[in-house]
PDB file of N, CA and C in Angstrom:
ATOM      1  N   MET A   1       0.840  -1.196   0.000  1.00  0.00           N
ATOM      2  CA  MET A   1       0.000   0.000   0.000  1.00  0.00           C
ATOM      3  C   MET A   1       0.874   1.242   0.000  1.00  0.00           C
ATOM      4  N   ALA A   2       0.533   2.189  -0.822  1.00  0.00           N
ATOM      5  CA  ALA A   2       1.288   3.437  -0.904  1.00  0.00           C
ATOM      6  C   ALA A   2       1.085   4.262   0.356  1.00  0.00           C
ATOM      7  N   THR A   3       2.085   5.064   0.657  1.00  0.00           N
ATOM      8  CA  THR A   3       1.995   5.882   1.860  1.00  0.00           C
ATOM      9  C   THR A   3       1.985   7.377   1.551  1.00  0.00           C
ATOM     10  N   ASP A   4       1.992   7.728   0.271  1.00  0.00           N
ATOM     11  CA  ASP A   4       1.943   9.148  -0.058  1.00  0.00           C
ATOM     12  C   ASP A   4       0.526   9.691   0.140  1.00  0.00           C
ATOM     13  N   PHE A   5       0.420  10.967   0.240  1.00  0.00           N
ATOM     14  CA  PHE A   5      -0.858  11.656   0.442  1.00  0.00           C
ATOM     15  C   PHE A   5      -1.605  11.128   1.674  1.00  0.00           C
ATOM     16  N   SER A   6      -0.880  11.052   2.770  1.00  0.00           N
ATOM     17  CA  SER A   6      -1.463  10.530   4.014  1.00  0.00           C
ATOM     18  C   SER A   6      -2.590  11.420   4.541  1.00  0.00           C
ATOM     19  N   PHE A   7      -2.512  12.718   4.300  1.00  0.00           N
ATOM     20  CA  PHE A   7      -3.594  13.605   4.746  1.00  0.00           C
ATOM     21  C   PHE A   7      -4.865  13.320   3.960  1.00  0.00           C
ATOM     22  N   MET A   8      -4.715  13.056   2.665  1.00  0.00           N
ATOM     23  CA  MET A   8      -5.866  12.742   1.830  1.00  0.00           C
ATOM     24  C   MET A   8      -6.480  11.413   2.270  1.00  0.00           C
ATOM     25  N   ARG A   9      -5.637  10.461   2.607  1.00  0.00           N
ATOM     26  CA  ARG A   9      -6.125   9.159   3.061  1.00  0.00           C
ATOM     27  C   ARG A   9      -6.883   9.307   4.388  1.00  0.00           C
ATOM     28  N   ALA A  10      -6.344  10.110   5.298  1.00  0.00           N
ATOM     29  CA  ALA A  10      -7.004  10.331   6.586  1.00  0.00           C
ATOM     30  C   ALA A  10      -8.335  11.056   6.389  1.00  0.00           C
ATOM     31  N   TYR A  11      -8.355  12.059   5.525  1.00  0.00           N
ATOM     32  CA  TYR A  11      -9.578  12.808   5.248  1.00  0.00           C
ATOM     33  C   TYR A  11     -10.631  11.885   4.641  1.00  0.00           C
ATOM     34  N   GLY A  12     -10.202  11.030   3.734  1.00  0.00           N
ATOM     35  CA  GLY A  12     -11.115  10.064   3.131  1.00  0.00           C
ATOM     36  C   GLY A  12     -11.680   9.099   4.154  1.00  0.00           C
ATOM     37  N   LYS A  13     -10.825   8.632   5.049  1.00  0.00           N
ATOM     38  CA  LYS A  13     -11.272   7.723   6.104  1.00  0.00           C
ATOM     39  C   LYS A  13     -12.277   8.423   7.021  1.00  0.00           C
ATOM     40  N   LEU A  14     -11.993   9.660   7.366  1.00  0.00           N
ATOM     41  CA  LEU A  14     -12.876  10.441   8.233  1.00  0.00           C
ATOM     42  C   LEU A  14     -14.273  10.566   7.635  1.00  0.00           C
ATOM     43  N   HIS A  15     -14.328  10.724   6.334  1.00  0.00           N
ATOM     44  CA  HIS A  15     -15.610  10.946   5.656  1.00  0.00           C
ATOM     45  C   HIS A  15     -16.181   9.693   5.001  1.00  0.00           C
ATOM     46  N   GLY A  16     -15.569   8.554   5.249  1.00  0.00           N
ATOM     47  CA  GLY A  16     -16.091   7.301   4.730  1.00  0.00           C
ATOM     48  C   GLY A  16     -16.055   7.186   3.213  1.00  0.00           C
ATOM     49  N   VAL A  17     -15.045   7.791   2.610  1.00  0.00           N
ATOM     50  CA  VAL A  17     -14.911   7.757   1.158  1.00  0.00           C
ATOM     51  C   VAL A  17     -14.537   6.341   0.718  1.00  0.00           C
ATOM     52  N   LYS A  18     -15.186   5.870  -0.326  1.00  0.00           N
ATOM     53  CA  LYS A  18     -14.900   4.535  -0.849  1.00  0.00           C
ATOM     54  C   LYS A  18     -13.495   4.495  -1.438  1.00  0.00           C
ATOM     55  N   GLU A  19     -12.861   3.336  -1.303  1.00  0.00           N
ATOM     56  CA  GLU A  19     -11.478   3.144  -1.728  1.00  0.00           C
ATOM     57  C   GLU A  19     -11.240   3.554  -3.185  1.00  0.00           C
ATOM     58  N   GLY A  20     -12.147   3.188  -4.074  1.00  0.00           N
ATOM     59  CA  GLY A  20     -11.982   3.519  -5.486  1.00  0.00           C
ATOM     60  C   GLY A  20     -11.961   5.013  -5.748  1.00  0.00           C
ATOM     61  N   TYR A  21     -12.814   5.745  -5.060  1.00  0.00           N
ATOM     62  CA  TYR A  21     -12.856   7.195  -5.224  1.00  0.00           C
ATOM     63  C   TYR A  21     -11.584   7.830  -4.672  1.00  0.00           C
ATOM     64  N   LEU A  22     -11.138   7.327  -3.532  1.00  0.00           N
ATOM     65  CA  LEU A  22      -9.912   7.836  -2.920  1.00  0.00           C
ATOM     66  C   LEU A  22      -8.712   7.562  -3.829  1.00  0.00           C
ATOM     67  N   ASP A  23      -8.650   6.367  -4.391  1.00  0.00           N
ATOM     68  CA  ASP A  23      -7.563   6.031  -5.314  1.00  0.00           C
ATOM     69  C   ASP A  23      -7.561   6.968  -6.511  1.00  0.00           C
ATOM     70  N   TYR A  24      -8.743   7.280  -7.029  1.00  0.00           N
ATOM     71  CA  TYR A  24      -8.852   8.206  -8.160  1.00  0.00           C
ATOM     72  C   TYR A  24      -8.281   9.573  -7.779  1.00  0.00           C
ATOM     73  N   ASP A  25      -8.674  10.085  -6.613  1.00  0.00           N
ATOM     74  CA  ASP A  25      -8.180  11.391  -6.160  1.00  0.00           C
ATOM     75  C   ASP A  25      -6.668  11.388  -5.968  1.00  0.00           C
ATOM     76  N   ILE A  26      -6.146  10.315  -5.423  1.00  0.00           N
ATOM     77  CA  ILE A  26      -4.702  10.245  -5.192  1.00  0.00           C
ATOM     78  C   ILE A  26      -3.955  10.182  -6.521  1.00  0.00           C
ATOM     79  N   ARG A  27      -4.449   9.419  -7.476  1.00  0.00           N
ATOM     80  CA  ARG A  27      -3.817   9.390  -8.802  1.00  0.00           C
ATOM     81  C   ARG A  27      -3.852  10.782  -9.434  1.00  0.00           C
ATOM     82  N   ARG A  28      -4.963  11.471  -9.265  1.00  0.00           N
ATOM     83  CA  ARG A  28      -5.073  12.831  -9.813  1.00  0.00           C
ATOM     84  C   ARG A  28      -4.079  13.769  -9.131  1.00  0.00           C
ATOM     85  N   ALA A  29      -3.982  13.669  -7.824  1.00  0.00           N
ATOM     86  CA  ALA A  29      -3.043  14.510  -7.077  1.00  0.00           C
ATOM     87  C   ALA A  29      -1.609  14.248  -7.532  1.00  0.00           C
ATOM     88  N   ARG A  30      -1.273  12.993  -7.770  1.00  0.00           N
ATOM     89  CA  ARG A  30       0.071  12.661  -8.277  1.00  0.00           C
ATOM     90  C   ARG A  30       0.302  13.297  -9.644  1.00  0.00           C
ATOM     91  N   ARG A  31      -0.668  13.150 -10.549  1.00  0.00           N
ATOM     92  CA  ARG A  31      -0.540  13.714 -11.902  1.00  0.00           C
ATOM     93  C   ARG A  31      -0.361  15.223 -11.869  1.00  0.00           C
ATOM     94  N   GLU A  32      -1.067  15.865 -10.947  1.00  0.00           N
ATOM     95  CA  GLU A  32      -1.043  17.327 -10.872  1.00  0.00           C
ATOM     96  C   GLU A  32       0.045  17.856  -9.946  1.00  0.00           C
ATOM     97  N   ASN A  33       0.886  16.949  -9.453  1.00  0.00           N
ATOM     98  CA  ASN A  33       1.970  17.335  -8.540  1.00  0.00           C
ATOM     99  C   ASN A  33       1.456  18.162  -7.361  1.00  0.00           C
ATOM    100  N   ALA A  34       0.370  17.692  -6.777  1.00  0.00           N
ATOM    101  CA  ALA A  34      -0.213  18.375  -5.617  1.00  0.00           C
ATOM    102  C   ALA A  34       0.769  18.339  -4.455  1.00  0.00           C
ATOM    103  N   ALA A  35       0.639  19.282  -3.561  1.00  0.00           N
ATOM    104  CA  ALA A  35       1.481  19.315  -2.368  1.00  0.00           C
ATOM    105  C   ALA A  35       1.287  18.032  -1.570  1.00  0.00           C
ATOM    106  N   VAL A  36       2.341  17.592  -0.899  1.00  0.00           N
ATOM    107  CA  VAL A  36       2.256  16.331  -0.146  1.00  0.00           C
ATOM    108  C   VAL A  36       1.235  16.407   0.983  1.00  0.00           C
ATOM    109  N   ASP A  37       0.901  17.622   1.419  1.00  0.00           N
ATOM    110  CA  ASP A  37      -0.087  17.754   2.493  1.00  0.00           C
ATOM    111  C   ASP A  37      -1.491  18.070   1.965  1.00  0.00           C
ATOM    112  N   ALA A  38      -1.717  17.846   0.669  1.00  0.00           N
ATOM    113  CA  ALA A  38      -3.059  18.023   0.105  1.00  0.00           C
ATOM    114  C   ALA A  38      -3.992  17.019   0.762  1.00  0.00           C
ATOM    115  N   TYR A  39      -5.196  17.475   1.097  1.00  0.00           N
ATOM    116  CA  TYR A  39      -6.143  16.544   1.725  1.00  0.00           C
ATOM    117  C   TYR A  39      -7.480  16.475   1.005  1.00  0.00           C
ATOM    118  N   SER A  40      -7.757  17.445   0.117  1.00  0.00           N
ATOM    119  CA  SER A  40      -9.044  17.440  -0.573  1.00  0.00           C
ATOM    120  C   SER A  40      -9.000  18.396  -1.761  1.00  0.00           C
ATOM    121  N   TRP A  41      -9.802  18.092  -2.771  1.00  0.00           N
ATOM    122  CA  TRP A  41      -9.937  18.968  -3.935  1.00  0.00           C
ATOM    123  C   TRP A  41     -11.052  19.966  -3.667  1.00  0.00           C
ATOM    124  N   ASP A  42     -10.771  21.237  -3.881  1.00  0.00           N
ATOM    125  CA  ASP A  42     -11.750  22.302  -3.718  1.00  0.00           C
ATOM    126  C   ASP A  42     -12.328  22.626  -5.095  1.00  0.00           C
ATOM    127  N   GLU A  43     -13.487  22.079  -5.379  1.00  0.00           N
ATOM    128  CA  GLU A  43     -14.109  22.228  -6.693  1.00  0.00           C
ATOM    129  C   GLU A  43     -14.400  23.694  -7.012  1.00  0.00           C
ATOM    130  N   GLU A  44     -14.878  24.419  -6.025  1.00  0.00           N
ATOM    131  CA  GLU A  44     -15.251  25.818  -6.251  1.00  0.00           C
ATOM    132  C   GLU A  44     -14.060  26.666  -6.693  1.00  0.00           C
ATOM    133  N   ASN A  45     -12.917  26.480  -6.046  1.00  0.00           N
ATOM    134  CA  ASN A  45     -11.727  27.277  -6.351  1.00  0.00           C
ATOM    135  C   ASN A  45     -10.735  26.562  -7.262  1.00  0.00           C
ATOM    136  N   GLN A  46     -11.081  25.333  -7.664  1.00  0.00           N
ATOM    137  CA  GLN A  46     -10.243  24.558  -8.573  1.00  0.00           C
ATOM    138  C   GLN A  46      -8.789  24.450  -8.098  1.00  0.00           C
ATOM    139  N   ARG A  47      -8.649  23.979  -6.850  1.00  0.00           N
ATOM    140  CA  ARG A  47      -7.310  23.816  -6.279  1.00  0.00           C
ATOM    141  C   ARG A  47      -7.346  22.766  -5.178  1.00  0.00           C
ATOM    142  N   TRP A  48      -6.172  22.253  -4.841  1.00  0.00           N
ATOM    143  CA  TRP A  48      -6.064  21.297  -3.742  1.00  0.00           C
ATOM    144  C   TRP A  48      -6.012  22.040  -2.419  1.00  0.00           C
ATOM    145  N   LYS A  49      -6.801  21.590  -1.466  1.00  0.00           N
ATOM    146  CA  LYS A  49      -6.737  22.140  -0.109  1.00  0.00           C
ATOM    147  C   LYS A  49      -5.542  21.505   0.584  1.00  0.00           C
ATOM    148  N   LYS A  50      -4.777  22.319   1.320  1.00  0.00           N
ATOM    149  CA  LYS A  50      -3.577  21.821   1.984  1.00  0.00           C
ATOM    150  C   LYS A  50      -3.749  21.852   3.501  1.00  0.00           C
ATOM    151  N   PHE A  51      -3.204  20.826   4.143  1.00  0.00           N
ATOM    152  CA  PHE A  51      -3.289  20.721   5.588  1.00  0.00           C
ATOM    153  C   PHE A  51      -2.598  21.904   6.260  1.00  0.00           C
ATOM    154  N   SER A  52      -1.491  22.361   5.709  1.00  0.00           N
ATOM    155  CA  SER A  52      -0.773  23.499   6.299  1.00  0.00           C
ATOM    156  C   SER A  52      -1.662  24.744   6.333  1.00  0.00           C
ATOM    157  N   GLU A  53      -2.466  24.948   5.299  1.00  0.00           N
ATOM    158  CA  GLU A  53      -3.393  26.088   5.287  1.00  0.00           C
ATOM    159  C   GLU A  53      -4.505  25.894   6.305  1.00  0.00           C
ATOM    160  N   LEU A  54      -4.951  24.667   6.446  1.00  0.00           N
ATOM    161  CA  LEU A  54      -5.977  24.353   7.440  1.00  0.00           C
ATOM    162  C   LEU A  54      -5.447  24.634   8.851  1.00  0.00           C
ATOM    163  N   GLU A  55      -4.200  24.257   9.099  1.00  0.00           N
ATOM    164  CA  GLU A  55      -3.580  24.529  10.403  1.00  0.00           C
ATOM    165  C   GLU A  55      -3.493  26.030  10.677  1.00  0.00           C
ATOM    166  N   GLU A  56      -3.159  26.800   9.664  1.00  0.00           N
ATOM    167  CA  GLU A  56      -3.081  28.257   9.820  1.00  0.00           C
ATOM    168  C   GLU A  56      -4.436  28.826  10.226  1.00  0.00           C
ATOM    169  N   LYS A  57      -5.498  28.351   9.564  1.00  0.00           N
ATOM    170  CA  LYS A  57      -6.843  28.805   9.920  1.00  0.00           C
ATOM    171  C   LYS A  57      -7.179  28.430  11.354  1.00  0.00           C
ATOM    172  N   ALA A  58      -6.802  27.224  11.750  1.00  0.00           N
ATOM    173  CA  ALA A  58      -7.071  26.756  13.110  1.00  0.00           C
ATOM    174  C   ALA A  58      -6.334  27.619  14.125  1.00  0.00           C
ATOM    175  N   GLU A  59      -5.085  27.927  13.830  1.00  0.00           N
ATOM    176  CA  GLU A  59      -4.273  28.741  14.745  1.00  0.00           C
ATOM    177  C   GLU A  59      -4.778  30.173  14.838  1.00  0.00           C
ATOM    178  N   SER A  60      -5.473  30.639  13.808  1.00  0.00           N
ATOM    179  CA  SER A  60      -5.990  32.008  13.840  1.00  0.00           C
ATOM    180  C   SER A  60      -7.374  32.081  14.483  1.00  0.00           C
ATOM    181  N   GLY A  61      -7.859  30.935  15.011  1.00  0.00           N
ATOM    182  CA  GLY A  61      -9.089  30.962  15.782  1.00  0.00           C
ATOM    183  C   GLY A  61     -10.301  30.337  15.128  1.00  0.00           C
ATOM    184  N   ASP A  62     -10.162  29.735  13.973  1.00  0.00           N
ATOM    185  CA  ASP A  62     -11.283  29.095  13.299  1.00  0.00           C
ATOM    186  C   ASP A  62     -11.558  27.752  13.979  1.00  0.00           C
ATOM    187  N   ALA A  63     -12.646  27.687  14.731  1.00  0.00           N
ATOM    188  CA  ALA A  63     -12.969  26.495  15.524  1.00  0.00           C
ATOM    189  C   ALA A  63     -13.248  25.275  14.647  1.00  0.00           C
ATOM    190  N   GLU A  64     -13.902  25.471  13.528  1.00  0.00           N
ATOM    191  CA  GLU A  64     -14.201  24.355  12.624  1.00  0.00           C
ATOM    192  C   GLU A  64     -12.907  23.763  12.052  1.00  0.00           C
ATOM    193  N   ALA A  65     -12.001  24.630  11.654  1.00  0.00           N
ATOM    194  CA  ALA A  65     -10.712  24.169  11.131  1.00  0.00           C
ATOM    195  C   ALA A  65      -9.925  23.457  12.223  1.00  0.00           C
ATOM    196  N   ALA A  66      -9.963  23.988  13.445  1.00  0.00           N
ATOM    197  CA  ALA A  66      -9.242  23.377  14.556  1.00  0.00           C
ATOM    198  C   ALA A  66      -9.759  21.968  14.838  1.00  0.00           C
ATOM    199  N   GLU A  67     -11.062  21.793  14.770  1.00  0.00           N
ATOM    200  CA  GLU A  67     -11.640  20.471  15.006  1.00  0.00           C
ATOM    201  C   GLU A  67     -11.213  19.488  13.913  1.00  0.00           C
ATOM    202  N   LEU A  68     -11.228  19.941  12.668  1.00  0.00           N
ATOM    203  CA  LEU A  68     -10.824  19.070  11.562  1.00  0.00           C
ATOM    204  C   LEU A  68      -9.349  18.699  11.683  1.00  0.00           C
ATOM    205  N   VAL A  69      -8.509  19.650  12.023  1.00  0.00           N
ATOM    206  CA  VAL A  69      -7.080  19.372  12.228  1.00  0.00           C
ATOM    207  C   VAL A  69      -6.908  18.293  13.292  1.00  0.00           C
ATOM    208  N   GLN A  70      -7.589  18.465  14.403  1.00  0.00           N
ATOM    209  CA  GLN A  70      -7.486  17.502  15.502  1.00  0.00           C
ATOM    210  C   GLN A  70      -7.956  16.113  15.069  1.00  0.00           C
ATOM    211  N   ARG A  71      -9.068  16.040  14.383  1.00  0.00           N
ATOM    212  CA  ARG A  71      -9.615  14.748  13.958  1.00  0.00           C
ATOM    213  C   ARG A  71      -8.697  14.050  12.962  1.00  0.00           C
ATOM    214  N   LEU A  72      -8.106  14.815  12.041  1.00  0.00           N
ATOM    215  CA  LEU A  72      -7.184  14.216  11.075  1.00  0.00           C
ATOM    216  C   LEU A  72      -5.917  13.713  11.762  1.00  0.00           C
ATOM    217  N   ARG A  73      -5.434  14.458  12.729  1.00  0.00           N
ATOM    218  CA  ARG A  73      -4.235  14.016  13.467  1.00  0.00           C
ATOM    219  C   ARG A  73      -4.492  12.712  14.223  1.00  0.00           C
ATOM    220  N   VAL A  74      -5.668  12.578  14.803  1.00  0.00           N
ATOM    221  CA  VAL A  74      -6.004  11.345  15.523  1.00  0.00           C
ATOM    222  C   VAL A  74      -6.015  10.160  14.567  1.00  0.00           C
ATOM    223  N   ILE A  75      -6.593  10.337  13.398  1.00  0.00           N
ATOM    224  CA  ILE A  75      -6.658   9.245  12.423  1.00  0.00           C
ATOM    225  C   ILE A  75      -5.244   8.862  11.947  1.00  0.00           C
ATOM    226  N   MET A  76      -4.379   9.839  11.816  1.00  0.00           N
ATOM    227  CA  MET A  76      -3.046   9.594  11.287  1.00  0.00           C
ATOM    228  C   MET A  76      -2.089   8.963  12.296  1.00  0.00           C
ATOM    229  N   ARG A  77      -2.470   8.870  13.536  1.00  0.00           N
ATOM    230  CA  ARG A  77      -1.588   8.265  14.549  1.00  0.00           C
ATOM    231  C   ARG A  77      -1.369   6.814  14.311  1.00  0.00           C
TER     232      ARG A  77
END
């Protein structure tokens, strides 16, 4: 099993994403040279969401972002 895109794998697990869909997203992220901390595709803005940006939002007081950061870290342990 590949170990790249661990944030995307954790996010998928958190949301119950089916393996085939997750594999598709990871292949796409590889093709597009997404950042290693990419965790989800943002359809509206046509870009990969990055965990580092999520952490910044959490640190600036965004409670929703802080909860997601915490939940992803627990899954990744």
